[in-house]
Amino acid sequence: MSGDVYELTISGPGRNALSSVLMEHLIGELRTAGGRPLLLSGAGGAFSAGLNLKEVATLDRAGMTRFLGLLDDLIDALYGYPGPAVAAVNGHAIAGGCMLLLCCDLRIGADDPAIRIGLNEVPLGLEFPPKLLALARTRVPPRSLERVVLEGALHDPRTALALGLLDELAPDVHAGARTALGRLASSPRAEYVATKQALRRGLLDLSEDQRRYFREHIVPAWCAPAVKARVDAALRSRR
């Protein structure tokens, strides 16, 4: 099985922050993977620190529409990936980075208390686009959903495990993720894919009202001066 695994590494500046270029690359890589068992991890010491806020801070309404549309496309491609997909959460997985791990069939985290995992959009003053909120509602256990989304805290891996953001912890996260992927890939592939697709079909589909809300409310809100100011402040705090 090991030779059949497609290893997809999230790699980019800013702790693998999701820029337009990186999101386009990941979508293309998922097409290339073609349903082979997929192992998703981050380059260096991070999984993904979230959206590229430097890019977000520069976008006008047209640019923001394209940027958030790419994020939706990436979520659809990974959530609907036609094969087993396991995340090796080797470092910080924040906001958009946490969304990517939620798309995977299993999420194996490094047992490192320095790592932070969570959805911190609300504290940043960013309203969830409809597709991302649908993903959170589908993948975060109901008992934890409002805490994870509304509190918007960043959690260590053991807390993330208790909240249902991770499925397992491993001292060697890549070895643990490969073992988990091997379990999933041991099932007959066609039946695995058919069942996965049946379970997930339609769960992230948006109504026309939700699409209109995205165009007419979410995109302008993400471009608003107050939001740009909060994004700039978040960037300054990281320097």
C-alpha atoms as a PDB file:
ATOM      1  CA  MET A   1       0.000   0.000   0.000  1.00  0.00           C
ATOM      2  CA  SER A   2       2.852   2.408   0.783  1.00  0.00           C
ATOM      3  CA  GLY A   3       3.827   2.837  -2.838  1.00  0.00           C
ATOM      4  CA  ASP A   4       0.245   3.699  -3.737  1.00  0.00           C
ATOM      5  CA  VAL A   5      -0.063   6.577  -1.241  1.00  0.00           C
ATOM      6  CA  TYR A   6      -0.246  10.098  -2.631  1.00  0.00           C
ATOM      7  CA  GLU A   7       1.513  12.425  -0.209  1.00  0.00           C
ATOM      8  CA  LEU A   8       0.193  15.973  -0.488  1.00  0.00           C
ATOM      9  CA  THR A   9       2.130  18.582   1.460  1.00  0.00           C
ATOM     10  CA  ILE A  10       0.732  22.036   2.198  1.00  0.00           C
ATOM     11  CA  SER A  11       3.734  24.260   1.608  1.00  0.00           C
ATOM     12  CA  GLY A  12       3.981  28.034   1.441  1.00  0.00           C
ATOM     13  CA  PRO A  13       5.087  31.192   3.241  1.00  0.00           C
ATOM     14  CA  GLY A  14       3.591  32.201   6.555  1.00  0.00           C
ATOM     15  CA  ARG A  15       3.438  28.691   8.020  1.00  0.00           C
ATOM     16  CA  ASN A  16       1.766  27.300   4.916  1.00  0.00           C
ATOM     17  CA  ALA A  17      -0.858  30.050   4.805  1.00  0.00           C
ATOM     18  CA  LEU A  18      -3.502  29.515   2.145  1.00  0.00           C
ATOM     19  CA  SER A  19      -2.883  32.008  -0.650  1.00  0.00           C
ATOM     20  CA  SER A  20      -4.653  31.965  -4.005  1.00  0.00           C
ATOM     21  CA  VAL A  21      -1.593  30.372  -5.578  1.00  0.00           C
ATOM     22  CA  LEU A  22      -1.351  27.657  -2.914  1.00  0.00           C
ATOM     23  CA  MET A  23      -5.078  26.874  -3.058  1.00  0.00           C
ATOM     24  CA  GLU A  24      -4.929  26.520  -6.850  1.00  0.00           C
ATOM     25  CA  HIS A  25      -1.916  24.234  -6.461  1.00  0.00           C
ATOM     26  CA  LEU A  26      -3.656  22.029  -3.881  1.00  0.00           C
ATOM     27  CA  ILE A  27      -6.780  21.710  -6.043  1.00  0.00           C
ATOM     28  CA  GLY A  28      -4.588  20.620  -8.962  1.00  0.00           C
ATOM     29  CA  GLU A  29      -2.734  18.119  -6.769  1.00  0.00           C
ATOM     30  CA  LEU A  30      -6.014  16.582  -5.600  1.00  0.00           C
ATOM     31  CA  ARG A  31      -6.983  16.048  -9.231  1.00  0.00           C
ATOM     32  CA  THR A  32      -3.597  14.454  -9.907  1.00  0.00           C
ATOM     33  CA  ALA A  33      -3.971  12.176  -6.876  1.00  0.00           C
ATOM     34  CA  GLY A  34      -6.916  10.619  -8.671  1.00  0.00           C
ATOM     35  CA  GLY A  35      -8.436   8.774  -5.730  1.00  0.00           C
ATOM     36  CA  ARG A  36      -5.236   7.120  -4.491  1.00  0.00           C
ATOM     37  CA  PRO A  37      -4.948   6.919  -0.679  1.00  0.00           C
ATOM     38  CA  LEU A  38      -4.152  10.505   0.299  1.00  0.00           C
ATOM     39  CA  LEU A  39      -1.865  11.589   3.133  1.00  0.00           C
ATOM     40  CA  LEU A  40      -2.179  15.332   3.806  1.00  0.00           C
ATOM     41  CA  SER A  41       0.386  17.146   5.952  1.00  0.00           C
ATOM     42  CA  GLY A  42       2.140  20.483   6.232  1.00  0.00           C
ATOM     43  CA  ALA A  43       5.693  21.454   5.371  1.00  0.00           C
ATOM     44  CA  GLY A  44       8.087  22.251   8.175  1.00  0.00           C
ATOM     45  CA  GLY A  45       6.633  22.650  11.641  1.00  0.00           C
ATOM     46  CA  ALA A  46       3.083  23.621  10.690  1.00  0.00           C
ATOM     47  CA  PHE A  47       0.038  22.041   9.063  1.00  0.00           C
ATOM     48  CA  SER A  48      -1.456  25.365   7.919  1.00  0.00           C
ATOM     49  CA  ALA A  49      -1.806  28.606   9.871  1.00  0.00           C
ATOM     50  CA  GLY A  50      -4.933  29.508   7.894  1.00  0.00           C
ATOM     51  CA  LEU A  51      -5.698  31.953   5.139  1.00  0.00           C
ATOM     52  CA  ASN A  52      -2.952  34.219   3.865  1.00  0.00           C
ATOM     53  CA  LEU A  53      -4.020  37.374   5.700  1.00  0.00           C
ATOM     54  CA  LYS A  54      -1.481  39.486   3.824  1.00  0.00           C
ATOM     55  CA  GLU A  55      -3.349  38.665   0.626  1.00  0.00           C
ATOM     56  CA  VAL A  56      -6.765  39.067   2.257  1.00  0.00           C
ATOM     57  CA  ALA A  57      -5.816  42.587   3.385  1.00  0.00           C
ATOM     58  CA  THR A  58      -5.153  43.662  -0.230  1.00  0.00           C
ATOM     59  CA  LEU A  59      -8.310  42.342  -1.899  1.00  0.00           C
ATOM     60  CA  ASP A  60     -11.130  44.394  -3.359  1.00  0.00           C
ATOM     61  CA  ARG A  61     -14.608  42.954  -3.842  1.00  0.00           C
ATOM     62  CA  ALA A  62     -13.776  41.141  -7.092  1.00  0.00           C
ATOM     63  CA  GLY A  63     -10.556  39.765  -5.662  1.00  0.00           C
ATOM     64  CA  MET A  64     -12.273  38.635  -2.478  1.00  0.00           C
ATOM     65  CA  THR A  65     -14.989  36.885  -4.488  1.00  0.00           C
ATOM     66  CA  ARG A  66     -12.319  34.941  -6.359  1.00  0.00           C
ATOM     67  CA  PHE A  67     -10.259  34.225  -3.229  1.00  0.00           C
ATOM     68  CA  LEU A  68     -13.170  32.884  -1.164  1.00  0.00           C
ATOM     69  CA  GLY A  69     -14.447  31.021  -4.221  1.00  0.00           C
ATOM     70  CA  LEU A  70     -11.103  29.231  -4.454  1.00  0.00           C
ATOM     71  CA  LEU A  71     -11.377  28.307  -0.788  1.00  0.00           C
ATOM     72  CA  ASP A  72     -14.836  26.848  -1.421  1.00  0.00           C
ATOM     73  CA  ASP A  73     -13.467  24.892  -4.394  1.00  0.00           C
ATOM     74  CA  LEU A  74     -10.608  23.504  -2.286  1.00  0.00           C
ATOM     75  CA  ILE A  75     -13.012  22.451   0.465  1.00  0.00           C
ATOM     76  CA  ASP A  76     -15.246  20.712  -2.081  1.00  0.00           C
ATOM     77  CA  ALA A  77     -12.283  18.932  -3.696  1.00  0.00           C
ATOM     78  CA  LEU A  78     -10.867  17.630  -0.409  1.00  0.00           C
ATOM     79  CA  TYR A  79     -14.165  16.812   1.318  1.00  0.00           C
ATOM     80  CA  GLY A  80     -15.359  14.997  -1.805  1.00  0.00           C
ATOM     81  CA  TYR A  81     -12.009  13.329  -2.552  1.00  0.00           C
ATOM     82  CA  PRO A  82     -12.776   9.955  -4.183  1.00  0.00           C
ATOM     83  CA  GLY A  83     -10.558   7.838  -1.973  1.00  0.00           C
ATOM     84  CA  PRO A  84      -9.315   7.513   1.611  1.00  0.00           C
ATOM     85  CA  ALA A  85      -7.855  10.767   2.957  1.00  0.00           C
ATOM     86  CA  VAL A  86      -5.992  11.127   6.255  1.00  0.00           C
ATOM     87  CA  ALA A  87      -4.543  14.311   7.733  1.00  0.00           C
ATOM     88  CA  ALA A  88      -1.218  14.152   9.578  1.00  0.00           C
ATOM     89  CA  VAL A  89      -1.614  17.260  11.720  1.00  0.00           C
ATOM     90  CA  ASN A  90       2.053  17.915  12.365  1.00  0.00           C
ATOM     91  CA  GLY A  91       1.729  21.522  13.544  1.00  0.00           C
ATOM     92  CA  HIS A  92      -0.609  24.492  13.878  1.00  0.00           C
ATOM     93  CA  ALA A  93      -3.939  24.038  12.043  1.00  0.00           C
ATOM     94  CA  ILE A  94      -5.784  27.325  12.395  1.00  0.00           C
ATOM     95  CA  ALA A  95      -8.943  28.683  10.738  1.00  0.00           C
ATOM     96  CA  GLY A  96      -8.665  27.660   7.064  1.00  0.00           C
ATOM     97  CA  GLY A  97      -5.994  25.138   8.022  1.00  0.00           C
ATOM     98  CA  CYS A  98      -8.374  23.561  10.520  1.00  0.00           C
ATOM     99  CA  MET A  99     -11.030  23.455   7.802  1.00  0.00           C
ATOM    100  CA  LEU A 100      -8.701  21.352   5.652  1.00  0.00           C
ATOM    101  CA  LEU A 101      -8.146  18.769   8.360  1.00  0.00           C
ATOM    102  CA  LEU A 102     -11.922  18.602   8.944  1.00  0.00           C
ATOM    103  CA  CYS A 103     -12.355  17.593   5.288  1.00  0.00           C
ATOM    104  CA  CYS A 104     -10.269  14.446   5.788  1.00  0.00           C
ATOM    105  CA  ASP A 105     -11.685  11.029   6.685  1.00  0.00           C
ATOM    106  CA  LEU A 106      -9.422  10.717   9.740  1.00  0.00           C
ATOM    107  CA  ARG A 107      -7.277  13.323  11.499  1.00  0.00           C
ATOM    108  CA  ILE A 108      -4.162  12.186  13.356  1.00  0.00           C
ATOM    109  CA  GLY A 109      -2.480  14.820  15.489  1.00  0.00           C
ATOM    110  CA  ALA A 110       1.004  15.121  16.904  1.00  0.00           C
ATOM    111  CA  ASP A 111       0.931  14.867  20.696  1.00  0.00           C
ATOM    112  CA  ASP A 112       2.695  18.193  21.157  1.00  0.00           C
ATOM    113  CA  PRO A 113       1.229  20.711  23.638  1.00  0.00           C
ATOM    114  CA  ALA A 114       2.754  23.633  21.706  1.00  0.00           C
ATOM    115  CA  ILE A 115       0.525  22.982  18.662  1.00  0.00           C
ATOM    116  CA  ARG A 116      -2.668  25.028  18.289  1.00  0.00           C
ATOM    117  CA  ILE A 117      -5.793  23.862  16.441  1.00  0.00           C
ATOM    118  CA  GLY A 118      -9.088  25.659  16.007  1.00  0.00           C
ATOM    119  CA  LEU A 119     -11.457  27.964  14.150  1.00  0.00           C
ATOM    120  CA  ASN A 120     -10.761  31.543  15.231  1.00  0.00           C
ATOM    121  CA  GLU A 121     -12.733  33.405  12.561  1.00  0.00           C
ATOM    122  CA  VAL A 122     -15.264  34.944  14.963  1.00  0.00           C
ATOM    123  CA  PRO A 123     -12.643  36.517  17.291  1.00  0.00           C
ATOM    124  CA  LEU A 124     -11.008  37.986  14.162  1.00  0.00           C
ATOM    125  CA  GLY A 125     -14.344  39.541  13.190  1.00  0.00           C
ATOM    126  CA  LEU A 126     -14.806  37.317  10.136  1.00  0.00           C
ATOM    127  CA  GLU A 127     -18.199  35.779   9.474  1.00  0.00           C
ATOM    128  CA  PHE A 128     -18.028  32.208   8.194  1.00  0.00           C
ATOM    129  CA  PRO A 129     -18.837  31.841   4.493  1.00  0.00           C
ATOM    130  CA  PRO A 130     -21.800  29.458   4.105  1.00  0.00           C
ATOM    131  CA  LYS A 131     -19.800  26.499   2.801  1.00  0.00           C
ATOM    132  CA  LEU A 132     -17.290  26.678   5.643  1.00  0.00           C
ATOM    133  CA  LEU A 133     -20.055  26.870   8.203  1.00  0.00           C
ATOM    134  CA  ALA A 134     -21.737  23.860   6.551  1.00  0.00           C
ATOM    135  CA  LEU A 135     -18.449  21.944   6.821  1.00  0.00           C
ATOM    136  CA  ALA A 136     -18.072  22.804  10.501  1.00  0.00           C
ATOM    137  CA  ARG A 137     -21.673  21.811  11.195  1.00  0.00           C
ATOM    138  CA  THR A 138     -21.113  18.493   9.431  1.00  0.00           C
ATOM    139  CA  ARG A 139     -17.722  17.564  10.838  1.00  0.00           C
ATOM    140  CA  VAL A 140     -17.532  19.014  14.371  1.00  0.00           C
ATOM    141  CA  PRO A 141     -19.527  16.911  16.878  1.00  0.00           C
ATOM    142  CA  PRO A 142     -22.787  18.636  17.943  1.00  0.00           C
ATOM    143  CA  ARG A 143     -21.673  18.679  21.589  1.00  0.00           C
ATOM    144  CA  SER A 144     -18.645  20.801  20.630  1.00  0.00           C
ATOM    145  CA  LEU A 145     -19.888  22.798  17.642  1.00  0.00           C
ATOM    146  CA  GLU A 146     -20.931  26.039  19.298  1.00  0.00           C
ATOM    147  CA  ARG A 147     -17.892  26.115  21.564  1.00  0.00           C
ATOM    148  CA  VAL A 148     -15.515  25.521  18.651  1.00  0.00           C
ATOM    149  CA  VAL A 149     -17.179  28.047  16.330  1.00  0.00           C
ATOM    150  CA  LEU A 150     -18.410  30.785  18.678  1.00  0.00           C
ATOM    151  CA  GLU A 151     -15.628  30.750  21.267  1.00  0.00           C
ATOM    152  CA  GLY A 152     -13.084  30.558  18.482  1.00  0.00           C
ATOM    153  CA  ALA A 153     -10.272  29.439  20.773  1.00  0.00           C
ATOM    154  CA  LEU A 154      -7.094  27.728  19.646  1.00  0.00           C
ATOM    155  CA  HIS A 155      -6.605  24.400  21.404  1.00  0.00           C
ATOM    156  CA  ASP A 156      -3.729  22.085  22.185  1.00  0.00           C
ATOM    157  CA  PRO A 157      -3.988  18.638  20.531  1.00  0.00           C
ATOM    158  CA  ARG A 158      -5.411  16.851  23.587  1.00  0.00           C
ATOM    159  CA  THR A 159      -8.204  19.410  23.901  1.00  0.00           C
ATOM    160  CA  ALA A 160      -8.757  19.239  20.137  1.00  0.00           C
ATOM    161  CA  LEU A 161      -9.098  15.455  20.477  1.00  0.00           C
ATOM    162  CA  ALA A 162     -11.683  15.842  23.247  1.00  0.00           C
ATOM    163  CA  LEU A 163     -13.633  18.356  21.134  1.00  0.00           C
ATOM    164  CA  GLY A 164     -13.638  16.043  18.113  1.00  0.00           C
ATOM    165  CA  LEU A 165     -11.361  18.128  15.897  1.00  0.00           C
ATOM    166  CA  LEU A 166      -8.873  15.237  15.913  1.00  0.00           C
ATOM    167  CA  ASP A 167      -9.518  11.489  15.903  1.00  0.00           C
ATOM    168  CA  GLU A 168      -6.230  10.231  17.354  1.00  0.00           C
ATOM    169  CA  LEU A 169      -2.907  11.441  18.735  1.00  0.00           C
ATOM    170  CA  ALA A 170       0.409   9.818  17.878  1.00  0.00           C
ATOM    171  CA  PRO A 171       3.981  10.294  19.121  1.00  0.00           C
ATOM    172  CA  ASP A 172       5.093   9.970  15.480  1.00  0.00           C
ATOM    173  CA  VAL A 173       2.320  11.716  13.592  1.00  0.00           C
ATOM    174  CA  HIS A 174       3.370  10.635  10.106  1.00  0.00           C
ATOM    175  CA  ALA A 175       3.713   6.988  11.120  1.00  0.00           C
ATOM    176  CA  GLY A 176       0.364   7.155  12.916  1.00  0.00           C
ATOM    177  CA  ALA A 177      -1.317   8.747   9.920  1.00  0.00           C
ATOM    178  CA  ARG A 178       0.127   6.134   7.556  1.00  0.00           C
ATOM    179  CA  THR A 179      -1.167   3.367   9.806  1.00  0.00           C
ATOM    180  CA  ALA A 180      -4.625   4.956   9.845  1.00  0.00           C
ATOM    181  CA  LEU A 181      -4.550   5.394   6.077  1.00  0.00           C
ATOM    182  CA  GLY A 182      -3.569   1.749   5.690  1.00  0.00           C
ATOM    183  CA  ARG A 183      -6.655   0.704   7.665  1.00  0.00           C
ATOM    184  CA  LEU A 184      -8.935   2.755   5.435  1.00  0.00           C
ATOM    185  CA  ALA A 185      -7.206   1.670   2.234  1.00  0.00           C
ATOM    186  CA  SER A 186      -7.528  -2.025   3.151  1.00  0.00           C
ATOM    187  CA  SER A 187     -11.234  -1.926   2.272  1.00  0.00           C
ATOM    188  CA  PRO A 188     -12.239  -2.573  -1.350  1.00  0.00           C
ATOM    189  CA  ARG A 189     -11.705   0.791  -3.028  1.00  0.00           C
ATOM    190  CA  ALA A 190     -14.904   1.001  -5.067  1.00  0.00           C
ATOM    191  CA  GLU A 191     -17.112   0.216  -2.082  1.00  0.00           C
ATOM    192  CA  TYR A 192     -15.204   2.632   0.160  1.00  0.00           C
ATOM    193  CA  VAL A 193     -15.599   5.473  -2.324  1.00  0.00           C
ATOM    194  CA  ALA A 194     -19.248   4.743  -3.070  1.00  0.00           C
ATOM    195  CA  THR A 195     -20.115   4.687   0.627  1.00  0.00           C
ATOM    196  CA  LYS A 196     -18.118   7.832   1.387  1.00  0.00           C
ATOM    197  CA  GLN A 197     -19.847   9.672  -1.442  1.00  0.00           C
ATOM    198  CA  ALA A 198     -23.270   8.459  -0.311  1.00  0.00           C
ATOM    199  CA  LEU A 199     -22.597   9.645   3.239  1.00  0.00           C
ATOM    200  CA  ARG A 200     -21.416  13.105   2.153  1.00  0.00           C
ATOM    201  CA  ARG A 201     -23.531  13.781  -0.924  1.00  0.00           C
ATOM    202  CA  GLY A 202     -25.235  17.155  -0.734  1.00  0.00           C
ATOM    203  CA  LEU A 203     -24.035  18.062   2.759  1.00  0.00           C
ATOM    204  CA  LEU A 204     -22.035  21.064   1.531  1.00  0.00           C
ATOM    205  CA  ASP A 205     -24.425  22.086  -1.251  1.00  0.00           C
ATOM    206  CA  LEU A 206     -25.609  25.680  -0.959  1.00  0.00           C
ATOM    207  CA  SER A 207     -29.061  27.024  -1.697  1.00  0.00           C
ATOM    208  CA  GLU A 208     -29.517  30.007  -3.995  1.00  0.00           C
ATOM    209  CA  ASP A 209     -30.297  32.103  -0.919  1.00  0.00           C
ATOM    210  CA  GLN A 210     -26.978  31.073   0.636  1.00  0.00           C
ATOM    211  CA  ARG A 211     -25.131  31.886  -2.588  1.00  0.00           C
ATOM    212  CA  ARG A 212     -26.795  35.285  -2.698  1.00  0.00           C
ATOM    213  CA  TYR A 213     -25.886  35.881   0.945  1.00  0.00           C
ATOM    214  CA  PHE A 214     -22.290  35.017   0.123  1.00  0.00           C
ATOM    215  CA  ARG A 215     -22.198  37.497  -2.782  1.00  0.00           C
ATOM    216  CA  GLU A 216     -24.165  40.311  -1.187  1.00  0.00           C
ATOM    217  CA  HIS A 217     -23.114  40.088   2.463  1.00  0.00           C
ATOM    218  CA  ILE A 218     -20.068  37.889   3.135  1.00  0.00           C
ATOM    219  CA  VAL A 219     -17.813  39.261   0.400  1.00  0.00           C
ATOM    220  CA  PRO A 220     -18.504  42.959   1.183  1.00  0.00           C
ATOM    221  CA  ALA A 221     -18.126  42.261   4.915  1.00  0.00           C
ATOM    222  CA  TRP A 222     -14.709  40.662   4.401  1.00  0.00           C
ATOM    223  CA  CYS A 223     -13.683  43.772   2.402  1.00  0.00           C
ATOM    224  CA  ALA A 224     -14.959  46.271   4.995  1.00  0.00           C
ATOM    225  CA  PRO A 225     -12.441  48.736   6.474  1.00  0.00           C
ATOM    226  CA  ALA A 226     -13.104  47.494  10.025  1.00  0.00           C
ATOM    227  CA  VAL A 227     -12.279  43.924   9.015  1.00  0.00           C
ATOM    228  CA  LYS A 228      -9.168  45.038   7.136  1.00  0.00           C
ATOM    229  CA  ALA A 229      -8.067  46.912  10.281  1.00  0.00           C
ATOM    230  CA  ARG A 230      -8.501  43.766  12.425  1.00  0.00           C
ATOM    231  CA  VAL A 231      -6.582  41.712   9.865  1.00  0.00           C
ATOM    232  CA  ASP A 232      -3.773  44.296   9.861  1.00  0.00           C
ATOM    233  CA  ALA A 233      -3.692  44.183  13.664  1.00  0.00           C
ATOM    234  CA  ALA A 234      -3.491  40.374  13.609  1.00  0.00           C
ATOM    235  CA  LEU A 235      -0.581  40.568  11.154  1.00  0.00           C
ATOM    236  CA  ARG A 236       1.258  43.108  13.317  1.00  0.00           C
ATOM    237  CA  SER A 237       0.820  40.912  16.382  1.00  0.00           C
ATOM    238  CA  ARG A 238       2.656  38.071  14.610  1.00  0.00           C
ATOM    239  CA  ARG A 239       5.760  40.129  13.833  1.00  0.00           C
END
